[in-house]
């Protein structure tokens, strides 16, 4: 199924599926040379709420949850996100299609590492 088939029009807004967002995210990982990554393919076998992606490009470690525009963040996902955000040196993000510019800025070398804590 192509991207255009996974999009649905609601008024003037186009909804992009999580699968399409994942594809764009993978392209950015390649573009910005994030070589080490782990993706949860079957979340039923992991701890509830564990982020979709863990990506590493020393000295950085990112935990990333991808959601469609309307996808809900579960209480377990929020808990993981909040706990990881308290760990020094760890970056954690929940990204939706409308966050594409932020995704690119964070994955490129053009951003300042956000201070946690």
C-alpha atoms as a PDB file:
ATOM      1  CA  UNK A   1       0.000   0.000   0.000  1.00  0.00           C
ATOM      2  CA  UNK A   2       1.529   3.332  -1.078  1.00  0.00           C
ATOM      3  CA  UNK A   3       1.726   6.479   0.962  1.00  0.00           C
ATOM      4  CA  UNK A   4      -1.159   8.094  -0.887  1.00  0.00           C
ATOM      5  CA  UNK A   5      -3.356   5.105  -0.077  1.00  0.00           C
ATOM      6  CA  UNK A   6      -2.525   5.351   3.640  1.00  0.00           C
ATOM      7  CA  UNK A   7      -3.404   9.041   3.792  1.00  0.00           C
ATOM      8  CA  UNK A   8      -6.928  10.155   4.466  1.00  0.00           C
ATOM      9  CA  UNK A   9      -8.316  13.600   3.822  1.00  0.00           C
ATOM     10  CA  UNK A  10     -10.248  15.274   6.621  1.00  0.00           C
ATOM     11  CA  UNK A  11     -11.203  18.717   5.400  1.00  0.00           C
ATOM     12  CA  UNK A  12      -7.970  20.372   4.320  1.00  0.00           C
ATOM     13  CA  UNK A  13      -5.757  18.227   6.582  1.00  0.00           C
ATOM     14  CA  UNK A  14      -3.923  15.139   5.402  1.00  0.00           C
ATOM     15  CA  UNK A  15      -3.354  12.445   7.998  1.00  0.00           C
ATOM     16  CA  UNK A  16      -0.066  10.580   7.655  1.00  0.00           C
ATOM     17  CA  UNK A  17       0.130   7.065   9.042  1.00  0.00           C
ATOM     18  CA  UNK A  18       2.654   5.963  11.630  1.00  0.00           C
ATOM     19  CA  UNK A  19       4.112   3.647   8.965  1.00  0.00           C
ATOM     20  CA  UNK A  20       4.801   6.636   6.692  1.00  0.00           C
ATOM     21  CA  UNK A  21       6.329   8.563   9.592  1.00  0.00           C
ATOM     22  CA  UNK A  22       8.544   5.557  10.370  1.00  0.00           C
ATOM     23  CA  UNK A  23       9.701   5.468   6.754  1.00  0.00           C
ATOM     24  CA  UNK A  24      10.607   9.183   6.853  1.00  0.00           C
ATOM     25  CA  UNK A  25      12.364   8.668  10.200  1.00  0.00           C
ATOM     26  CA  UNK A  26      14.449   5.804   8.757  1.00  0.00           C
ATOM     27  CA  UNK A  27      15.477   8.044   5.856  1.00  0.00           C
ATOM     28  CA  UNK A  28      16.635  10.727   8.301  1.00  0.00           C
ATOM     29  CA  UNK A  29      18.616   8.128  10.276  1.00  0.00           C
ATOM     30  CA  UNK A  30      20.425   7.160   7.076  1.00  0.00           C
ATOM     31  CA  UNK A  31      20.921  10.771   5.971  1.00  0.00           C
ATOM     32  CA  UNK A  32      22.466  11.806   9.291  1.00  0.00           C
ATOM     33  CA  UNK A  33      24.426   8.560   9.758  1.00  0.00           C
ATOM     34  CA  UNK A  34      22.758   7.158  12.864  1.00  0.00           C
ATOM     35  CA  UNK A  35      24.193   3.653  12.395  1.00  0.00           C
ATOM     36  CA  UNK A  36      23.136   1.998  15.664  1.00  0.00           C
ATOM     37  CA  UNK A  37      19.424   1.641  16.188  1.00  0.00           C
ATOM     38  CA  UNK A  38      16.937  -0.708  17.756  1.00  0.00           C
ATOM     39  CA  UNK A  39      13.305  -0.739  16.691  1.00  0.00           C
ATOM     40  CA  UNK A  40      10.554  -2.546  18.552  1.00  0.00           C
ATOM     41  CA  UNK A  41       8.792  -4.538  15.839  1.00  0.00           C
ATOM     42  CA  UNK A  42       6.390  -6.398  18.120  1.00  0.00           C
ATOM     43  CA  UNK A  43       5.670  -4.298  21.196  1.00  0.00           C
ATOM     44  CA  UNK A  44       3.587  -7.099  22.708  1.00  0.00           C
ATOM     45  CA  UNK A  45       6.835  -8.823  23.671  1.00  0.00           C
ATOM     46  CA  UNK A  46       8.400  -5.788  25.364  1.00  0.00           C
ATOM     47  CA  UNK A  47       7.666  -3.910  28.554  1.00  0.00           C
ATOM     48  CA  UNK A  48       4.490  -1.868  28.160  1.00  0.00           C
ATOM     49  CA  UNK A  49       5.350   1.674  27.135  1.00  0.00           C
ATOM     50  CA  UNK A  50       8.945   1.070  26.027  1.00  0.00           C
ATOM     51  CA  UNK A  51       9.761   3.545  23.211  1.00  0.00           C
ATOM     52  CA  UNK A  52       9.620   2.429  19.563  1.00  0.00           C
ATOM     53  CA  UNK A  53      13.236   3.339  18.851  1.00  0.00           C
ATOM     54  CA  UNK A  54      16.573   3.534  20.620  1.00  0.00           C
ATOM     55  CA  UNK A  55      19.229   5.203  18.473  1.00  0.00           C
ATOM     56  CA  UNK A  56      22.872   5.775  19.278  1.00  0.00           C
ATOM     57  CA  UNK A  57      25.502   7.982  17.734  1.00  0.00           C
ATOM     58  CA  UNK A  58      28.143   8.604  20.412  1.00  0.00           C
ATOM     59  CA  UNK A  59      28.023  10.583  22.533  1.00  0.00           C
ATOM     60  CA  UNK A  60      24.241  10.695  22.076  1.00  0.00           C
ATOM     61  CA  UNK A  61      21.518   8.195  22.993  1.00  0.00           C
ATOM     62  CA  UNK A  62      17.932   8.917  21.929  1.00  0.00           C
ATOM     63  CA  UNK A  63      14.717   7.132  22.854  1.00  0.00           C
ATOM     64  CA  UNK A  64      11.992   7.921  20.323  1.00  0.00           C
ATOM     65  CA  UNK A  65       8.278   7.179  20.203  1.00  0.00           C
ATOM     66  CA  UNK A  66       6.591   7.772  16.834  1.00  0.00           C
ATOM     67  CA  UNK A  67       2.869   8.487  16.659  1.00  0.00           C
ATOM     68  CA  UNK A  68       0.433   9.341  13.901  1.00  0.00           C
ATOM     69  CA  UNK A  69      -1.212  12.766  14.140  1.00  0.00           C
ATOM     70  CA  UNK A  70      -4.072  11.250  16.105  1.00  0.00           C
ATOM     71  CA  UNK A  71      -2.209   8.451  17.887  1.00  0.00           C
ATOM     72  CA  UNK A  72      -2.561   8.468  21.652  1.00  0.00           C
ATOM     73  CA  UNK A  73       0.320   8.252  24.084  1.00  0.00           C
ATOM     74  CA  UNK A  74      -0.545   5.550  26.610  1.00  0.00           C
ATOM     75  CA  UNK A  75       0.010   6.101  30.343  1.00  0.00           C
ATOM     76  CA  UNK A  76       2.815   3.532  30.174  1.00  0.00           C
ATOM     77  CA  UNK A  77       4.498   5.379  27.292  1.00  0.00           C
ATOM     78  CA  UNK A  78       4.236   8.670  29.189  1.00  0.00           C
ATOM     79  CA  UNK A  79       5.740   7.002  32.276  1.00  0.00           C
ATOM     80  CA  UNK A  80       8.740   5.676  30.291  1.00  0.00           C
ATOM     81  CA  UNK A  81       9.182   9.055  28.584  1.00  0.00           C
ATOM     82  CA  UNK A  82       9.102  10.928  31.909  1.00  0.00           C
ATOM     83  CA  UNK A  83      11.527   8.510  33.583  1.00  0.00           C
ATOM     84  CA  UNK A  84      13.995   8.612  30.696  1.00  0.00           C
ATOM     85  CA  UNK A  85      13.840  12.424  30.626  1.00  0.00           C
ATOM     86  CA  UNK A  86      15.241  12.416  34.175  1.00  0.00           C
ATOM     87  CA  UNK A  87      18.369  10.495  33.136  1.00  0.00           C
ATOM     88  CA  UNK A  88      21.384  12.750  32.483  1.00  0.00           C
ATOM     89  CA  UNK A  89      22.614  12.551  28.908  1.00  0.00           C
ATOM     90  CA  UNK A  90      19.552  10.731  27.589  1.00  0.00           C
ATOM     91  CA  UNK A  91      17.343  12.433  25.024  1.00  0.00           C
ATOM     92  CA  UNK A  92      13.742  11.336  24.699  1.00  0.00           C
ATOM     93  CA  UNK A  93      11.171  12.407  22.129  1.00  0.00           C
ATOM     94  CA  UNK A  94       7.604  11.721  21.095  1.00  0.00           C
ATOM     95  CA  UNK A  95       7.277  12.706  17.452  1.00  0.00           C
ATOM     96  CA  UNK A  96       4.291  13.060  15.125  1.00  0.00           C
ATOM     97  CA  UNK A  97       4.214  13.919  11.407  1.00  0.00           C
ATOM     98  CA  UNK A  98       3.948  17.625  12.205  1.00  0.00           C
ATOM     99  CA  UNK A  99       7.287  17.356  14.086  1.00  0.00           C
ATOM    100  CA  UNK A 100       9.275  16.575  10.920  1.00  0.00           C
ATOM    101  CA  UNK A 101      11.326  19.794  11.142  1.00  0.00           C
ATOM    102  CA  UNK A 102      12.235  19.098  14.773  1.00  0.00           C
ATOM    103  CA  UNK A 103      13.129  15.495  13.900  1.00  0.00           C
ATOM    104  CA  UNK A 104      15.523  16.706  11.243  1.00  0.00           C
ATOM    105  CA  UNK A 105      17.047  19.373  13.487  1.00  0.00           C
ATOM    106  CA  UNK A 106      17.592  16.911  16.361  1.00  0.00           C
ATOM    107  CA  UNK A 107      19.043  14.165  14.162  1.00  0.00           C
ATOM    108  CA  UNK A 108      21.365  16.541  12.324  1.00  0.00           C
ATOM    109  CA  UNK A 109      24.354  18.206  13.927  1.00  0.00           C
ATOM    110  CA  UNK A 110      22.618  21.597  13.773  1.00  0.00           C
ATOM    111  CA  UNK A 111      20.975  21.461  17.167  1.00  0.00           C
ATOM    112  CA  UNK A 112      22.208  22.031  20.683  1.00  0.00           C
ATOM    113  CA  UNK A 113      21.801  19.051  22.988  1.00  0.00           C
ATOM    114  CA  UNK A 114      18.885  19.843  25.236  1.00  0.00           C
ATOM    115  CA  UNK A 115      19.655  20.104  28.915  1.00  0.00           C
ATOM    116  CA  UNK A 116      17.656  17.712  31.053  1.00  0.00           C
ATOM    117  CA  UNK A 117      16.902  18.102  34.659  1.00  0.00           C
END
